[in-house]
Amino acid sequence: NETGKGYEFINKIVGGTIPKEYIGPVDKGIQEALLGGIIAGYEVIDVKVTLYDGSYHDVDSNEMAFKIAGSMAVKEGVRKAGPQLLEPMMKVEIETPEDFVGDVIGDISSRRGRVEGMMPLEGTGMTQIRSVVPLADMFGYATDIRSKTQGRGTFTMEFEQYEPVPTNIAETIIAKYKGTEAAV
């Protein structure tokens, strides 16, 4: 599904190949599987699932069987689709004395951040730095910015968007989730 569209379930069953009372359990199984994650235990977002066909048996079919079938089908489909692990990216605006701009930019870069702009704040001796930084690398930043700017730097941070986790980091996260360590 398109970014930001969330989960969408479309029932395209025709001719009663699956009785109506089993469509809801299929949907519920899919939603539970997506919530529990497929590759590293994190929720799968922005997915459109279309149910085209299926079968049932008068004796052996029940709601639980269709819920499990929905869960298994979406897990297989997501794996085949090549899912990406995403991470929250934060818009970080920093105000720092001009003397410390280089140190602050170096620190943002060391946190996998991107500097998107700088602007001197006229008559203040301060510079505003606009950047985007992964949330995972922002822990402890309040202390670090004070340390790098002799207590005179400040920052604000707000959610910007989700972006794919770099491959090497994603591999480490997935390996930890699976209970193994990635080879270094």
Protein backbone atom coordinates (compact mmCIF):
# COMPACT_ATOMS: atom_id res chain seq x y z
CA ASN A 1 0.00 0.00 0.00
CA GLU A 2 1.14 3.58 -0.42
CA THR A 3 3.17 5.17 2.37
CA GLY A 4 0.90 6.41 5.14
CA LYS A 5 -2.19 4.56 3.88
CA GLY A 6 -2.18 1.97 6.67
CA TYR A 7 -3.81 -1.45 6.40
CA GLU A 8 -6.46 -2.20 3.80
CA PHE A 9 -8.33 -5.50 3.34
CA ILE A 10 -10.24 -6.13 0.11
CA ASN A 11 -12.57 -9.11 -0.25
CA LYS A 12 -12.80 -10.21 -3.90
CA ILE A 13 -14.31 -13.63 -3.20
CA VAL A 14 -17.09 -14.41 -5.67
CA GLY A 15 -19.44 -17.34 -5.86
CA GLY A 16 -19.13 -18.31 -2.21
CA THR A 17 -15.84 -20.23 -2.46
CA ILE A 18 -15.36 -19.05 1.14
CA PRO A 19 -18.55 -18.50 3.18
CA LYS A 20 -19.05 -14.92 4.41
CA GLU A 21 -18.73 -15.94 8.07
CA TYR A 22 -15.08 -16.91 7.45
CA ILE A 23 -14.00 -13.65 5.77
CA GLY A 24 -13.77 -11.78 9.11
CA PRO A 25 -11.51 -14.43 10.69
CA VAL A 26 -9.21 -14.33 7.63
CA ASP A 27 -8.94 -10.53 8.03
CA LYS A 28 -8.33 -10.85 11.77
CA GLY A 29 -5.57 -13.44 11.23
CA ILE A 30 -3.89 -11.13 8.72
CA GLN A 31 -4.07 -8.13 11.06
CA GLU A 32 -2.66 -10.10 14.00
CA ALA A 33 0.25 -11.38 11.88
CA LEU A 34 1.05 -7.86 10.66
CA LEU A 35 0.91 -6.46 14.19
CA GLY A 36 3.30 -9.16 15.44
CA GLY A 37 5.81 -8.46 12.69
CA ILE A 38 7.30 -10.67 10.01
CA ILE A 39 11.06 -10.07 9.85
CA ALA A 40 12.07 -8.65 13.24
CA GLY A 41 8.97 -8.54 15.42
CA TYR A 42 8.02 -4.99 14.41
CA GLU A 43 4.57 -4.14 13.09
CA VAL A 44 4.15 -4.26 9.31
CA ILE A 45 2.56 -1.02 8.08
CA ASP A 46 1.01 0.32 4.88
CA VAL A 47 -0.21 -3.00 3.49
CA LYS A 48 -3.07 -3.73 1.12
CA VAL A 49 -4.28 -7.35 1.18
CA THR A 50 -6.73 -8.71 -1.38
CA LEU A 51 -8.50 -12.02 -0.79
CA TYR A 52 -9.20 -13.58 -4.20
CA ASP A 53 -9.89 -17.25 -3.60
CA GLY A 54 -9.94 -20.07 -1.13
CA SER A 55 -11.82 -23.19 -0.23
CA TYR A 56 -13.67 -24.71 2.67
CA HIS A 57 -14.98 -28.04 3.81
CA ASP A 58 -18.36 -28.47 5.51
CA VAL A 59 -16.90 -30.62 8.30
CA ASP A 60 -13.32 -29.42 8.81
CA SER A 61 -13.67 -25.65 8.32
CA ASN A 62 -13.97 -23.32 11.31
CA GLU A 63 -13.15 -19.72 12.22
CA MET A 64 -9.79 -20.61 13.80
CA ALA A 65 -8.65 -22.47 10.67
CA PHE A 66 -9.41 -19.42 8.51
CA LYS A 67 -7.72 -17.07 10.99
CA ILE A 68 -4.59 -19.24 10.87
CA ALA A 69 -4.79 -19.43 7.06
CA GLY A 70 -4.95 -15.62 6.83
CA SER A 71 -1.96 -15.28 9.14
CA MET A 72 0.14 -17.85 7.27
CA ALA A 73 -0.74 -16.41 3.86
CA VAL A 74 0.19 -12.83 4.75
CA LYS A 75 3.47 -13.92 6.38
CA GLU A 76 4.45 -15.79 3.22
CA GLY A 77 3.35 -12.92 0.99
CA VAL A 78 5.24 -10.29 2.97
CA ARG A 79 8.43 -12.39 2.98
CA LYS A 80 8.19 -12.82 -0.80
CA ALA A 81 7.58 -9.09 -1.28
CA GLY A 82 10.96 -8.20 0.27
CA PRO A 83 9.93 -6.11 3.28
CA GLN A 84 12.06 -3.24 4.55
CA LEU A 85 12.78 -2.48 8.16
CA LEU A 86 11.98 1.20 8.76
CA GLU A 87 13.13 3.56 11.48
CA PRO A 88 11.73 6.87 12.71
CA MET A 89 13.66 9.88 11.46
CA MET A 90 13.55 13.06 13.49
CA LYS A 91 13.72 16.66 12.31
CA VAL A 92 16.35 18.20 14.59
CA GLU A 93 16.91 21.97 14.73
CA ILE A 94 19.95 23.09 16.67
CA GLU A 95 21.00 26.56 17.72
CA THR A 96 24.69 26.77 18.53
CA PRO A 97 27.33 29.46 18.93
CA GLU A 98 29.17 29.92 15.62
CA ASP A 99 32.43 28.67 17.20
CA PHE A 100 30.94 25.18 17.66
CA VAL A 101 29.21 24.68 14.28
CA GLY A 102 31.89 22.25 13.04
CA ASP A 103 31.72 20.12 16.19
CA VAL A 104 27.92 20.02 16.08
CA ILE A 105 27.84 19.07 12.38
CA GLY A 106 30.44 16.36 13.01
CA ASP A 107 28.32 15.01 15.86
CA ILE A 108 25.17 14.97 13.69
CA SER A 109 27.09 13.06 10.99
CA SER A 110 28.38 10.55 13.55
CA ARG A 111 24.74 9.88 14.49
CA ARG A 112 23.89 8.97 10.85
CA GLY A 113 22.24 12.37 10.44
CA ARG A 114 21.93 14.59 7.39
CA VAL A 115 22.44 18.33 7.65
CA GLU A 116 19.78 19.93 5.47
CA GLY A 117 20.58 23.58 6.03
CA MET A 118 22.31 26.21 8.12
CA MET A 119 21.42 29.81 8.78
CA PRO A 120 23.22 32.43 10.87
CA LEU A 121 20.90 34.06 13.39
CA GLU A 122 21.69 37.72 12.75
CA GLY A 123 23.23 39.68 15.60
CA THR A 124 23.30 36.74 18.02
CA GLY A 125 26.55 34.97 17.18
CA MET A 126 24.46 31.81 16.84
CA THR A 127 23.79 29.51 13.90
CA GLN A 128 20.71 27.40 13.32
CA ILE A 129 21.39 23.93 11.88
CA ARG A 130 18.51 21.95 10.36
CA SER A 131 19.03 18.21 10.14
CA VAL A 132 17.31 14.82 9.99
CA VAL A 133 18.61 12.13 12.35
CA PRO A 134 17.46 8.59 13.21
CA LEU A 135 15.70 8.53 16.58
CA ALA A 136 17.80 5.52 17.60
CA ASP A 137 20.90 7.72 17.51
CA MET A 138 19.45 10.68 19.42
CA PHE A 139 19.42 9.18 22.90
CA GLY A 140 21.62 11.24 25.22
CA TYR A 141 21.77 14.15 22.78
CA ALA A 142 20.65 16.79 25.31
CA THR A 143 23.75 16.10 27.39
CA ASP A 144 26.03 15.82 24.34
CA ILE A 145 24.94 19.13 22.77
CA ARG A 146 25.55 20.97 26.04
CA SER A 147 28.97 19.36 26.34
CA LYS A 148 29.97 20.25 22.76
CA THR A 149 28.79 23.88 23.03
CA GLN A 150 29.87 24.78 26.59
CA GLY A 151 26.23 24.67 27.66
CA ARG A 152 25.04 27.24 25.10
CA GLY A 153 23.60 24.99 22.38
CA THR A 154 19.91 24.07 22.28
CA PHE A 155 17.83 21.83 20.06
CA THR A 156 14.29 20.83 19.21
CA MET A 157 13.28 17.48 17.81
CA GLU A 158 10.09 16.21 16.18
CA PHE A 159 9.08 13.21 14.10
CA GLU A 160 9.72 13.69 10.36
CA GLN A 161 9.09 10.35 8.62
CA TYR A 162 10.06 6.69 8.45
CA GLU A 163 13.02 5.66 6.29
CA PRO A 164 14.63 2.29 5.53
CA VAL A 165 17.22 1.14 8.05
CA PRO A 166 20.67 0.76 6.42
CA THR A 167 21.30 -2.86 5.40
CA ASN A 168 24.15 -3.51 7.86
CA ILE A 169 22.09 -2.24 10.80
CA ALA A 170 18.96 -4.10 9.64
CA GLU A 171 20.95 -7.35 9.47
CA THR A 172 22.12 -6.85 13.06
CA ILE A 173 18.57 -6.13 14.28
CA ILE A 174 17.17 -9.18 12.48
CA ALA A 175 19.98 -11.41 13.79
CA LYS A 176 19.29 -10.28 17.37
CA TYR A 177 15.59 -10.93 16.86
CA LYS A 178 16.33 -14.43 15.63
CA GLY A 179 18.56 -15.04 18.65
CA THR A 180 21.86 -15.12 16.80
CA GLU A 181 24.64 -12.64 16.36
CA ALA A 182 25.55 -11.22 12.98
CA ALA A 183 29.05 -12.04 11.81
CA VAL A 184 31.28 -9.04 12.14
